Amino acid sequence: MKPGYTIIELILVLLLGSLLLSVLFTSFFQINRTSVVAEDIMDLNTRISILNNQLEKDFTGIFVPLQAIEELKKEPEKKVDQEKKKAGLQKKEVATKEKPKPLKDVFVSTNQAGNLAELTFITTNPIRVYEHAENAIINPRIVRVVYRLEADPEKKGSFNLTRQEGGELEFSAYKPTAPKKIKKYKLIDNIKEFKIIFKVPKKSDEKAKQETVTFETLSEWKPTIDKPDQKKPKIPNFIQCTVTFWDNQFEESRTFEFMYQVPCFQASLELKPTETVKPPEPSKEQAEKKQKAQGQKLPTLAEIKQSVKEIINLLGQKT
């Protein structure tokens, strides 16, 4: 009888082999899936960190320039013609300087289809420091920043957040139709939704016993919506951002929410004159000491010399 394998033995071997192969394929699939998920998480964390860091720096530096609060008043300069002065004519020519153009659109935000379309403001970020000089002074750099949410032409249903920055404070210089193009760059991509709301405090009813502050929420910020009877501030107090990111496979999305406070928020933009601070009234003891000090006269030079001579004579007698 020749040695060999039975059918049962072959079936068992094939069964064990198939089990091993299924275990290997399952492990390989899990490892591959885990690497994809880890890569998505790392990429998402990187994008969130970049976005949060840039928005925090920009929003915390928002302020209202002086030329946007009120026009600078220029007093006329008086000039007298020398020849007319010599001739005895006292006629004076008054030359006035051109008034500076007031700065508009300090803070503007518009929406489109429920998402952010355009956001612009003036900020002191970044701060440029000249470290090469010995006596370097930190000078803040005032810039205008423009954010735009643009549809990604290569990825359907995805948006890119672009950013522009420049020293030109007029908003018209950053529009696509401007003659001189200001460079813009893509800050974040793979955005599904990006929404911003603004909060400003409003006073409660005057009849209330204790004054409480409630917040009014605005989805857009346009200077043209100011009401005549209620003046809206030029910048908000709080800015809340809600952003939804796609993963790299465009299968799942995650939503994040950030809240930023504008430190330079001003509820009223009216410039008030500075009040003079009166020094505290002195006490009776301080007033008496002051009167005694004022009543005492300083000794003259002759009296000082006479005192020195008397001291010398006394010392000579003792010796």
C-alpha atoms as a PDB file:
ATOM      1  CA  MET A   1       0.000   0.000   0.000  1.00  0.00           C
ATOM      2  CA  LYS A   2       1.502   3.359  -1.091  1.00  0.00           C
ATOM      3  CA  PRO A   3       1.827   6.206   1.477  1.00  0.00           C
ATOM      4  CA  GLY A   4      -0.284   9.459   0.825  1.00  0.00           C
ATOM      5  CA  TYR A   5      -2.790  11.921   2.240  1.00  0.00           C
ATOM      6  CA  THR A   6      -6.385  11.290   2.727  1.00  0.00           C
ATOM      7  CA  ILE A   7      -9.120  13.649   1.580  1.00  0.00           C
ATOM      8  CA  ILE A   8      -9.884  14.631   5.175  1.00  0.00           C
ATOM      9  CA  GLU A   9      -6.275  15.681   5.750  1.00  0.00           C
ATOM     10  CA  LEU A  10      -6.304  17.826   2.573  1.00  0.00           C
ATOM     11  CA  ILE A  11      -9.534  19.501   3.621  1.00  0.00           C
ATOM     12  CA  LEU A  12      -8.110  20.303   7.044  1.00  0.00           C
ATOM     13  CA  VAL A  13      -4.953  21.798   5.545  1.00  0.00           C
ATOM     14  CA  LEU A  14      -6.962  23.965   3.126  1.00  0.00           C
ATOM     15  CA  LEU A  15      -9.208  25.096   5.962  1.00  0.00           C
ATOM     16  CA  LEU A  16      -6.262  26.115   8.139  1.00  0.00           C
ATOM     17  CA  GLY A  17      -4.621  27.929   5.221  1.00  0.00           C
ATOM     18  CA  SER A  18      -7.757  29.888   4.416  1.00  0.00           C
ATOM     19  CA  LEU A  19      -8.091  30.888   8.082  1.00  0.00           C
ATOM     20  CA  LEU A  20      -4.530  32.139   8.156  1.00  0.00           C
ATOM     21  CA  LEU A  21      -5.014  34.097   4.922  1.00  0.00           C
ATOM     22  CA  SER A  22      -8.217  35.700   6.228  1.00  0.00           C
ATOM     23  CA  VAL A  23      -6.440  36.726   9.436  1.00  0.00           C
ATOM     24  CA  LEU A  24      -3.554  38.244   7.450  1.00  0.00           C
ATOM     25  CA  PHE A  25      -5.855  40.147   5.099  1.00  0.00           C
ATOM     26  CA  THR A  26      -7.917  41.442   8.014  1.00  0.00           C
ATOM     27  CA  SER A  27      -4.794  42.644   9.814  1.00  0.00           C
ATOM     28  CA  PHE A  28      -3.497  44.302   6.658  1.00  0.00           C
ATOM     29  CA  PHE A  29      -6.837  46.052   6.099  1.00  0.00           C
ATOM     30  CA  GLN A  30      -6.943  47.270   9.707  1.00  0.00           C
ATOM     31  CA  ILE A  31      -3.378  48.561   9.545  1.00  0.00           C
ATOM     32  CA  ASN A  32      -4.096  50.351   6.271  1.00  0.00           C
ATOM     33  CA  ARG A  33      -7.301  51.852   7.657  1.00  0.00           C
ATOM     34  CA  THR A  34      -5.560  52.929  10.854  1.00  0.00           C
ATOM     35  CA  SER A  35      -2.803  54.679   8.905  1.00  0.00           C
ATOM     36  CA  VAL A  36      -5.402  56.531   6.807  1.00  0.00           C
ATOM     37  CA  VAL A  37      -7.313  57.635   9.914  1.00  0.00           C
ATOM     38  CA  ALA A  38      -4.096  58.727  11.647  1.00  0.00           C
ATOM     39  CA  GLU A  39      -3.053  60.698   8.569  1.00  0.00           C
ATOM     40  CA  ASP A  40      -6.471  62.391   8.418  1.00  0.00           C
ATOM     41  CA  ILE A  41      -6.295  63.326  12.105  1.00  0.00           C
ATOM     42  CA  MET A  42      -2.778  64.746  11.784  1.00  0.00           C
ATOM     43  CA  ASP A  43      -3.724  66.707   8.668  1.00  0.00           C
ATOM     44  CA  LEU A  44      -6.894  68.010  10.311  1.00  0.00           C
ATOM     45  CA  ASN A  45      -5.056  69.060  13.470  1.00  0.00           C
ATOM     46  CA  THR A  46      -2.480  70.881  11.366  1.00  0.00           C
ATOM     47  CA  ARG A  47      -5.125  72.815   9.450  1.00  0.00           C
ATOM     48  CA  ILE A  48      -7.026  73.693  12.632  1.00  0.00           C
ATOM     49  CA  SER A  49      -3.845  74.882  14.351  1.00  0.00           C
ATOM     50  CA  ILE A  50      -2.887  77.091  11.407  1.00  0.00           C
ATOM     51  CA  LEU A  51      -6.374  78.569  11.138  1.00  0.00           C
ATOM     52  CA  ASN A  52      -6.824  79.169  14.871  1.00  0.00           C
ATOM     53  CA  ASN A  53      -3.364  80.680  15.284  1.00  0.00           C
ATOM     54  CA  GLN A  54      -3.783  83.085  12.354  1.00  0.00           C
ATOM     55  CA  LEU A  55      -7.311  84.155  13.274  1.00  0.00           C
ATOM     56  CA  GLU A  56      -6.369  84.703  16.918  1.00  0.00           C
ATOM     57  CA  LYS A  57      -3.458  86.952  15.973  1.00  0.00           C
ATOM     58  CA  ASP A  58      -5.518  88.927  13.476  1.00  0.00           C
ATOM     59  CA  PHE A  59      -8.667  89.312  15.580  1.00  0.00           C
ATOM     60  CA  THR A  60      -6.904  90.302  18.807  1.00  0.00           C
ATOM     61  CA  GLY A  61      -5.164  93.143  16.934  1.00  0.00           C
ATOM     62  CA  ILE A  62      -8.317  94.656  15.399  1.00  0.00           C
ATOM     63  CA  PHE A  63      -8.783  98.347  16.155  1.00  0.00           C
ATOM     64  CA  VAL A  64     -10.345 101.518  14.754  1.00  0.00           C
ATOM     65  CA  PRO A  65      -7.817 104.016  13.331  1.00  0.00           C
ATOM     66  CA  LEU A  66      -8.133 107.662  14.268  1.00  0.00           C
ATOM     67  CA  GLN A  67      -8.971 108.764  10.730  1.00  0.00           C
ATOM     68  CA  ALA A  68     -11.971 106.430  10.811  1.00  0.00           C
ATOM     69  CA  ILE A  69     -13.386 107.972  14.002  1.00  0.00           C
ATOM     70  CA  GLU A  70     -13.411 111.587  12.960  1.00  0.00           C
ATOM     71  CA  GLU A  71     -11.745 113.766  10.394  1.00  0.00           C
ATOM     72  CA  LEU A  72      -8.585 115.466  11.512  1.00  0.00           C
ATOM     73  CA  LYS A  73      -9.113 119.174  11.886  1.00  0.00           C
ATOM     74  CA  LYS A  74      -6.489 121.273  10.161  1.00  0.00           C
ATOM     75  CA  GLU A  75      -6.091 124.845  11.235  1.00  0.00           C
ATOM     76  CA  PRO A  76      -5.387 127.314   8.421  1.00  0.00           C
ATOM     77  CA  GLU A  77      -1.819 128.409   8.026  1.00  0.00           C
ATOM     78  CA  LYS A  78      -1.210 132.166   7.867  1.00  0.00           C
ATOM     79  CA  LYS A  79       1.343 133.495   5.407  1.00  0.00           C
ATOM     80  CA  VAL A  80       2.296 137.132   4.973  1.00  0.00           C
ATOM     81  CA  ASP A  81       3.881 138.341   1.768  1.00  0.00           C
ATOM     82  CA  GLN A  82       7.190 139.985   2.614  1.00  0.00           C
ATOM     83  CA  GLU A  83       6.971 142.521  -0.189  1.00  0.00           C
ATOM     84  CA  LYS A  84       3.501 143.656   0.872  1.00  0.00           C
ATOM     85  CA  LYS A  85       4.672 143.861   4.469  1.00  0.00           C
ATOM     86  CA  LYS A  86       7.513 146.172   3.467  1.00  0.00           C
ATOM     87  CA  ALA A  87       5.099 148.330   1.492  1.00  0.00           C
ATOM     88  CA  GLY A  88       3.009 148.757   4.609  1.00  0.00           C
ATOM     89  CA  LEU A  89       0.182 146.487   3.548  1.00  0.00           C
ATOM     90  CA  GLN A  90      -0.982 144.194   6.349  1.00  0.00           C
ATOM     91  CA  LYS A  91      -2.979 141.915   4.068  1.00  0.00           C
ATOM     92  CA  LYS A  92      -2.561 138.235   4.957  1.00  0.00           C
ATOM     93  CA  GLU A  93      -3.148 135.259   2.737  1.00  0.00           C
ATOM     94  CA  VAL A  94      -4.645 132.216   4.374  1.00  0.00           C
ATOM     95  CA  ALA A  95      -3.802 128.840   2.894  1.00  0.00           C
ATOM     96  CA  THR A  96      -5.700 125.837   4.060  1.00  0.00           C
ATOM     97  CA  LYS A  97      -4.522 122.271   3.764  1.00  0.00           C
ATOM     98  CA  GLU A  98      -6.665 119.634   2.118  1.00  0.00           C
ATOM     99  CA  LYS A  99      -8.737 117.668   4.560  1.00  0.00           C
ATOM    100  CA  PRO A 100      -7.704 114.024   4.795  1.00  0.00           C
ATOM    101  CA  LYS A 101     -10.108 111.555   3.297  1.00  0.00           C
ATOM    102  CA  PRO A 102     -11.931 109.675   6.079  1.00  0.00           C
ATOM    103  CA  LEU A 103     -11.255 105.963   6.221  1.00  0.00           C
ATOM    104  CA  LYS A 104     -14.313 103.821   5.508  1.00  0.00           C
ATOM    105  CA  ASP A 105     -15.093 100.108   5.662  1.00  0.00           C
ATOM    106  CA  VAL A 106     -13.012  99.582   8.791  1.00  0.00           C
ATOM    107  CA  PHE A 107     -14.735  96.252   9.483  1.00  0.00           C
ATOM    108  CA  VAL A 108     -16.913  94.547   6.851  1.00  0.00           C
ATOM    109  CA  SER A 109     -18.223  90.979   6.609  1.00  0.00           C
ATOM    110  CA  THR A 110     -20.594  89.584   3.981  1.00  0.00           C
ATOM    111  CA  ASN A 111     -22.101  86.131   3.447  1.00  0.00           C
ATOM    112  CA  GLN A 112     -23.060  84.084   0.418  1.00  0.00           C
ATOM    113  CA  ALA A 113     -25.285  80.979   0.470  1.00  0.00           C
ATOM    114  CA  GLY A 114     -24.957  80.749   4.253  1.00  0.00           C
ATOM    115  CA  ASN A 115     -21.146  80.798   4.237  1.00  0.00           C
ATOM    116  CA  LEU A 116     -18.640  83.577   4.674  1.00  0.00           C
ATOM    117  CA  ALA A 117     -17.985  85.432   1.441  1.00  0.00           C
ATOM    118  CA  GLU A 118     -15.641  88.242   2.488  1.00  0.00           C
ATOM    119  CA  LEU A 119     -14.190  89.583   5.738  1.00  0.00           C
ATOM    120  CA  THR A 120     -11.932  92.618   6.040  1.00  0.00           C
ATOM    121  CA  PHE A 121     -10.589  94.646   8.960  1.00  0.00           C
ATOM    122  CA  ILE A 122      -7.591  96.671  10.121  1.00  0.00           C
ATOM    123  CA  THR A 123      -5.204  95.083  12.597  1.00  0.00           C
ATOM    124  CA  THR A 124      -1.785  95.526  14.181  1.00  0.00           C
ATOM    125  CA  ASN A 125      -0.729  91.972  13.349  1.00  0.00           C
ATOM    126  CA  PRO A 126       2.022  91.263  12.495  1.00  0.00           C
ATOM    127  CA  ILE A 127       4.403  93.357  14.579  1.00  0.00           C
ATOM    128  CA  ARG A 128       7.639  94.142  12.803  1.00  0.00           C
ATOM    129  CA  VAL A 129      10.676  94.471  15.062  1.00  0.00           C
ATOM    130  CA  TYR A 130      14.061  95.787  13.959  1.00  0.00           C
ATOM    131  CA  GLU A 131      16.486  93.822  16.074  1.00  0.00           C
ATOM    132  CA  HIS A 132      19.655  94.785  14.220  1.00  0.00           C
ATOM    133  CA  ALA A 133      19.683  98.306  15.691  1.00  0.00           C
ATOM    134  CA  GLU A 134      21.199  98.887  19.119  1.00  0.00           C
ATOM    135  CA  ASN A 135      18.391 101.096  20.410  1.00  0.00           C
ATOM    136  CA  ALA A 136      15.613  99.326  18.543  1.00  0.00           C
ATOM    137  CA  ILE A 137      12.045 100.438  19.205  1.00  0.00           C
ATOM    138  CA  ILE A 138       9.164  98.038  18.669  1.00  0.00           C
ATOM    139  CA  ASN A 139       6.888  99.646  16.082  1.00  0.00           C
ATOM    140  CA  PRO A 140       3.492  98.083  15.372  1.00  0.00           C
ATOM    141  CA  ARG A 141       2.746  97.568  11.715  1.00  0.00           C
ATOM    142  CA  ILE A 142      -0.806  98.580  10.792  1.00  0.00           C
ATOM    143  CA  VAL A 143      -2.217  96.511   7.940  1.00  0.00           C
ATOM    144  CA  ARG A 144      -5.526  95.652   6.351  1.00  0.00           C
ATOM    145  CA  VAL A 145      -6.423  91.965   6.161  1.00  0.00           C
ATOM    146  CA  VAL A 146      -8.963  90.473   3.753  1.00  0.00           C
ATOM    147  CA  TYR A 147     -10.313  86.919   4.032  1.00  0.00           C
ATOM    148  CA  ARG A 148     -12.320  85.340   1.222  1.00  0.00           C
ATOM    149  CA  LEU A 149     -13.967  81.924   0.982  1.00  0.00           C
ATOM    150  CA  GLU A 150     -13.569  80.713  -2.609  1.00  0.00           C
ATOM    151  CA  ALA A 151     -14.848  77.521  -4.218  1.00  0.00           C
ATOM    152  CA  ASP A 152     -12.141  74.966  -5.007  1.00  0.00           C
ATOM    153  CA  PRO A 153     -12.184  74.374  -8.794  1.00  0.00           C
ATOM    154  CA  GLU A 154     -10.592  70.923  -8.420  1.00  0.00           C
ATOM    155  CA  LYS A 155     -12.787  69.599  -5.583  1.00  0.00           C
ATOM    156  CA  LYS A 156     -16.544  69.839  -5.844  1.00  0.00           C
ATOM    157  CA  GLY A 157     -18.270  70.945  -2.650  1.00  0.00           C
ATOM    158  CA  SER A 158     -15.000  72.191  -1.110  1.00  0.00           C
ATOM    159  CA  PHE A 159     -13.811  75.727  -0.393  1.00  0.00           C
ATOM    160  CA  ASN A 160     -10.465  77.444   0.113  1.00  0.00           C
ATOM    161  CA  LEU A 161      -9.891  80.272   2.600  1.00  0.00           C
ATOM    162  CA  THR A 162      -7.589  82.923   1.104  1.00  0.00           C
ATOM    163  CA  ARG A 163      -5.876  85.793   2.900  1.00  0.00           C
ATOM    164  CA  GLN A 164      -4.581  89.179   1.738  1.00  0.00           C
ATOM    165  CA  GLU A 165      -2.492  91.621   3.734  1.00  0.00           C
ATOM    166  CA  GLY A 166      -0.995  94.985   2.925  1.00  0.00           C
ATOM    167  CA  GLY A 167      -0.109  98.417   4.222  1.00  0.00           C
ATOM    168  CA  GLU A 168      -2.776 100.085   2.073  1.00  0.00           C
ATOM    169  CA  LEU A 169      -5.731 100.739   4.390  1.00  0.00           C
ATOM    170  CA  GLU A 170      -8.319 101.536   1.724  1.00  0.00           C
ATOM    171  CA  PHE A 171     -10.537  98.523   1.054  1.00  0.00           C
ATOM    172  CA  SER A 172     -10.842  99.329  -2.646  1.00  0.00           C
ATOM    173  CA  ALA A 173      -7.168  98.416  -3.147  1.00  0.00           C
ATOM    174  CA  TYR A 174      -7.904  94.757  -2.289  1.00  0.00           C
ATOM    175  CA  LYS A 175     -10.774  94.163  -4.661  1.00  0.00           C
ATOM    176  CA  PRO A 176     -10.223  91.983  -7.760  1.00  0.00           C
ATOM    177  CA  THR A 177     -10.869  94.991  -9.999  1.00  0.00           C
ATOM    178  CA  ALA A 178      -8.082  97.065  -8.392  1.00  0.00           C
ATOM    179  CA  PRO A 179      -5.344  98.151 -10.834  1.00  0.00           C
ATOM    180  CA  LYS A 180      -2.533  97.073  -8.519  1.00  0.00           C
ATOM    181  CA  LYS A 181      -2.961  93.476  -7.408  1.00  0.00           C
ATOM    182  CA  ILE A 182      -2.129  92.696  -3.792  1.00  0.00           C
ATOM    183  CA  LYS A 183      -0.828  89.172  -3.379  1.00  0.00           C
ATOM    184  CA  LYS A 184      -3.124  86.642  -1.764  1.00  0.00           C
ATOM    185  CA  TYR A 185      -2.405  83.104  -0.636  1.00  0.00           C
ATOM    186  CA  LYS A 186      -4.421  80.049   0.295  1.00  0.00           C
ATOM    187  CA  LEU A 187      -4.501  79.642   4.047  1.00  0.00           C
ATOM    188  CA  ILE A 188      -6.697  76.535   4.458  1.00  0.00           C
ATOM    189  CA  ASP A 189      -8.367  74.103   2.043  1.00  0.00           C
ATOM    190  CA  ASN A 190     -10.867  71.209   2.266  1.00  0.00           C
ATOM    191  CA  ILE A 191     -13.490  73.432   3.907  1.00  0.00           C
ATOM    192  CA  LYS A 192     -17.094  72.281   3.761  1.00  0.00           C
ATOM    193  CA  GLU A 193     -18.664  75.209   5.642  1.00  0.00           C
ATOM    194  CA  PHE A 194     -17.294  78.368   7.205  1.00  0.00           C
ATOM    195  CA  LYS A 195     -19.577  80.703   9.150  1.00  0.00           C
ATOM    196  CA  ILE A 196     -18.872  83.748  11.307  1.00  0.00           C
ATOM    197  CA  ILE A 197     -21.209  85.548  13.681  1.00  0.00           C
ATOM    198  CA  PHE A 198     -20.560  88.728  15.626  1.00  0.00           C
ATOM    199  CA  LYS A 199     -21.689  89.746  19.092  1.00  0.00           C
ATOM    200  CA  VAL A 200     -22.022  93.259  20.475  1.00  0.00           C
ATOM    201  CA  PRO A 201     -23.361  94.194  23.921  1.00  0.00           C
ATOM    202  CA  LYS A 202     -26.561  96.147  24.269  1.00  0.00           C
ATOM    203  CA  LYS A 203     -27.849  97.823  27.413  1.00  0.00           C
ATOM    204  CA  SER A 204     -30.831  96.426  29.205  1.00  0.00           C
ATOM    205  CA  ASP A 205     -33.995  98.296  30.124  1.00  0.00           C
ATOM    206  CA  GLU A 206     -33.290 101.485  32.062  1.00  0.00           C
ATOM    207  CA  LYS A 207     -36.107 100.663  34.481  1.00  0.00           C
ATOM    208  CA  ALA A 208     -34.302  97.548  35.683  1.00  0.00           C
ATOM    209  CA  LYS A 209     -32.822  97.782  39.141  1.00  0.00           C
ATOM    210  CA  GLN A 210     -29.462  96.343  38.139  1.00  0.00           C
ATOM    211  CA  GLU A 211     -28.007  97.060  34.735  1.00  0.00           C
ATOM    212  CA  THR A 212     -27.189  93.836  32.895  1.00  0.00           C
ATOM    213  CA  VAL A 213     -25.493  93.445  29.542  1.00  0.00           C
ATOM    214  CA  THR A 214     -27.002  91.252  26.847  1.00  0.00           C
ATOM    215  CA  PHE A 215     -25.457  90.523  23.487  1.00  0.00           C
ATOM    216  CA  GLU A 216     -26.886  91.103  20.053  1.00  0.00           C
ATOM    217  CA  THR A 217     -25.863  88.534  17.428  1.00  0.00           C
ATOM    218  CA  LEU A 218     -25.214  89.565  13.818  1.00  0.00           C
ATOM    219  CA  SER A 219     -24.485  87.214  10.913  1.00  0.00           C
ATOM    220  CA  GLU A 220     -23.099  90.019   8.730  1.00  0.00           C
ATOM    221  CA  TRP A 221     -21.339  93.274   9.464  1.00  0.00           C
ATOM    222  CA  LYS A 222     -22.118  96.048   7.031  1.00  0.00           C
ATOM    223  CA  PRO A 223     -21.673  99.757   7.828  1.00  0.00           C
ATOM    224  CA  THR A 224     -24.749 100.564   5.710  1.00  0.00           C
ATOM    225  CA  ILE A 225     -27.143  98.808   8.109  1.00  0.00           C
ATOM    226  CA  ASP A 226     -26.620 101.370  10.851  1.00  0.00           C
ATOM    227  CA  LYS A 227     -29.896 102.642  12.251  1.00  0.00           C
ATOM    228  CA  PRO A 228     -30.268 106.402  12.718  1.00  0.00           C
ATOM    229  CA  ASP A 229     -31.587 106.009  16.253  1.00  0.00           C
ATOM    230  CA  GLN A 230     -29.080 103.354  17.340  1.00  0.00           C
ATOM    231  CA  LYS A 231     -25.443 103.764  16.396  1.00  0.00           C
ATOM    232  CA  LYS A 232     -23.660 100.465  15.885  1.00  0.00           C
ATOM    233  CA  PRO A 233     -19.955 100.310  16.826  1.00  0.00           C
ATOM    234  CA  LYS A 234     -17.429  99.985  14.061  1.00  0.00           C
ATOM    235  CA  ILE A 235     -15.987  96.703  15.376  1.00  0.00           C
ATOM    236  CA  PRO A 236     -17.623  93.807  17.250  1.00  0.00           C
ATOM    237  CA  ASN A 237     -16.888  92.696  20.783  1.00  0.00           C
ATOM    238  CA  PHE A 238     -16.787  88.934  20.091  1.00  0.00           C
ATOM    239  CA  ILE A 239     -16.240  86.945  16.901  1.00  0.00           C
ATOM    240  CA  GLN A 240     -17.435  83.348  16.743  1.00  0.00           C
ATOM    241  CA  CYS A 241     -16.188  81.116  13.915  1.00  0.00           C
ATOM    242  CA  THR A 242     -17.704  77.756  12.983  1.00  0.00           C
ATOM    243  CA  VAL A 243     -15.744  75.732  10.434  1.00  0.00           C
ATOM    244  CA  THR A 244     -16.425  72.261   9.023  1.00  0.00           C
ATOM    245  CA  PHE A 245     -13.573  70.342   7.376  1.00  0.00           C
ATOM    246  CA  TRP A 246     -13.674  67.430   4.950  1.00  0.00           C
ATOM    247  CA  ASP A 247     -11.321  64.520   5.440  1.00  0.00           C
ATOM    248  CA  ASN A 248      -8.873  63.641   2.662  1.00  0.00           C
ATOM    249  CA  GLN A 249     -11.293  61.086   1.191  1.00  0.00           C
ATOM    250  CA  PHE A 250     -14.239  63.562   1.221  1.00  0.00           C
ATOM    251  CA  GLU A 251     -16.355  60.981   3.013  1.00  0.00           C
ATOM    252  CA  GLU A 252     -16.674  62.395   6.539  1.00  0.00           C
ATOM    253  CA  SER A 253     -16.547  65.886   8.027  1.00  0.00           C
ATOM    254  CA  ARG A 254     -15.839  67.389  11.446  1.00  0.00           C
ATOM    255  CA  THR A 255     -17.012  70.729  12.843  1.00  0.00           C
ATOM    256  CA  PHE A 256     -15.047  73.043  15.141  1.00  0.00           C
ATOM    257  CA  GLU A 257     -16.037  76.268  16.862  1.00  0.00           C
ATOM    258  CA  PHE A 258     -13.811  79.124  18.031  1.00  0.00           C
ATOM    259  CA  MET A 259     -14.624  82.263  20.015  1.00  0.00           C
ATOM    260  CA  TYR A 260     -12.389  85.336  19.935  1.00  0.00           C
ATOM    261  CA  GLN A 261     -12.588  88.591  21.876  1.00  0.00           C
ATOM    262  CA  VAL A 262     -11.564  91.926  20.380  1.00  0.00           C
ATOM    263  CA  PRO A 263      -9.648  93.777  23.133  1.00  0.00           C
ATOM    264  CA  CYS A 264      -9.945  97.187  21.432  1.00  0.00           C
ATOM    265  CA  PHE A 265     -13.731  97.055  21.253  1.00  0.00           C
ATOM    266  CA  GLN A 266     -15.351 100.424  21.933  1.00  0.00           C
ATOM    267  CA  ALA A 267     -19.034 100.698  22.711  1.00  0.00           C
ATOM    268  CA  SER A 268     -18.964 104.401  21.870  1.00  0.00           C
ATOM    269  CA  LEU A 269     -16.723 105.984  19.246  1.00  0.00           C
ATOM    270  CA  GLU A 270     -17.281 109.559  20.383  1.00  0.00           C
ATOM    271  CA  LEU A 271     -14.051 111.193  21.439  1.00  0.00           C
ATOM    272  CA  LYS A 272     -14.476 112.780  24.863  1.00  0.00           C
ATOM    273  CA  PRO A 273     -12.069 115.416  26.205  1.00  0.00           C
ATOM    274  CA  THR A 274      -9.807 114.219  28.940  1.00  0.00           C
ATOM    275  CA  GLU A 275     -10.889 115.348  32.388  1.00  0.00           C
ATOM    276  CA  THR A 276      -8.378 117.127  34.598  1.00  0.00           C
ATOM    277  CA  VAL A 277      -7.624 115.146  37.730  1.00  0.00           C
ATOM    278  CA  LYS A 278      -7.639 117.321  40.853  1.00  0.00           C
ATOM    279  CA  PRO A 279      -5.037 116.467  43.489  1.00  0.00           C
ATOM    280  CA  PRO A 280      -6.412 115.389  46.872  1.00  0.00           C
ATOM    281  CA  GLU A 281      -6.813 118.107  49.460  1.00  0.00           C
ATOM    282  CA  PRO A 282      -4.039 118.073  52.094  1.00  0.00           C
ATOM    283  CA  SER A 283      -4.840 117.267  55.705  1.00  0.00           C
ATOM    284  CA  LYS A 284      -4.649 119.858  58.486  1.00  0.00           C
ATOM    285  CA  GLU A 285      -1.233 118.618  59.651  1.00  0.00           C
ATOM    286  CA  GLN A 286       0.170 118.785  56.131  1.00  0.00           C
ATOM    287  CA  ALA A 287      -1.270 122.280  55.669  1.00  0.00           C
ATOM    288  CA  GLU A 288       0.305 123.487  58.952  1.00  0.00           C
ATOM    289  CA  LYS A 289       3.702 122.024  58.018  1.00  0.00           C
ATOM    290  CA  LYS A 290       3.472 123.676  54.628  1.00  0.00           C
ATOM    291  CA  GLN A 291       2.682 127.046  56.197  1.00  0.00           C
ATOM    292  CA  LYS A 292       5.589 126.714  58.644  1.00  0.00           C
ATOM    293  CA  ALA A 293       7.936 125.781  55.819  1.00  0.00           C
ATOM    294  CA  GLN A 294       6.799 128.784  53.803  1.00  0.00           C
ATOM    295  CA  GLY A 295       7.144 131.074  56.877  1.00  0.00           C
ATOM    296  CA  GLN A 296      10.756 130.071  57.558  1.00  0.00           C
ATOM    297  CA  LYS A 297      13.346 132.205  55.758  1.00  0.00           C
ATOM    298  CA  LEU A 298      16.588 130.825  54.420  1.00  0.00           C
ATOM    299  CA  PRO A 299      19.725 132.248  56.164  1.00  0.00           C
ATOM    300  CA  THR A 300      21.751 134.777  54.222  1.00  0.00           C
ATOM    301  CA  LEU A 301      25.410 134.345  53.303  1.00  0.00           C
ATOM    302  CA  ALA A 302      26.518 136.883  55.953  1.00  0.00           C
ATOM    303  CA  GLU A 303      24.622 134.998  58.663  1.00  0.00           C
ATOM    304  CA  ILE A 304      26.270 131.720  57.616  1.00  0.00           C
ATOM    305  CA  LYS A 305      29.766 133.308  57.760  1.00  0.00           C
ATOM    306  CA  GLN A 306      29.059 134.754  61.200  1.00  0.00           C
ATOM    307  CA  SER A 307      27.935 131.344  62.487  1.00  0.00           C
ATOM    308  CA  VAL A 308      31.083 129.669  61.129  1.00  0.00           C
ATOM    309  CA  LYS A 309      33.308 132.302  62.863  1.00  0.00           C
ATOM    310  CA  GLU A 310      31.548 131.730  66.173  1.00  0.00           C
ATOM    311  CA  ILE A 311      32.041 127.979  65.932  1.00  0.00           C
ATOM    312  CA  ILE A 312      35.774 128.445  65.148  1.00  0.00           C
ATOM    313  CA  ASN A 313      36.209 130.774  68.151  1.00  0.00           C
ATOM    314  CA  LEU A 314      34.510 128.308  70.478  1.00  0.00           C
ATOM    315  CA  LEU A 315      36.760 125.490  69.262  1.00  0.00           C
ATOM    316  CA  GLY A 316      39.858 127.698  69.762  1.00  0.00           C
ATOM    317  CA  GLN A 317      38.901 128.555  73.327  1.00  0.00           C
ATOM    318  CA  LYS A 318      38.413 124.871  74.247  1.00  0.00           C
ATOM    319  CA  THR A 319      41.835 123.928  72.902  1.00  0.00           C
END
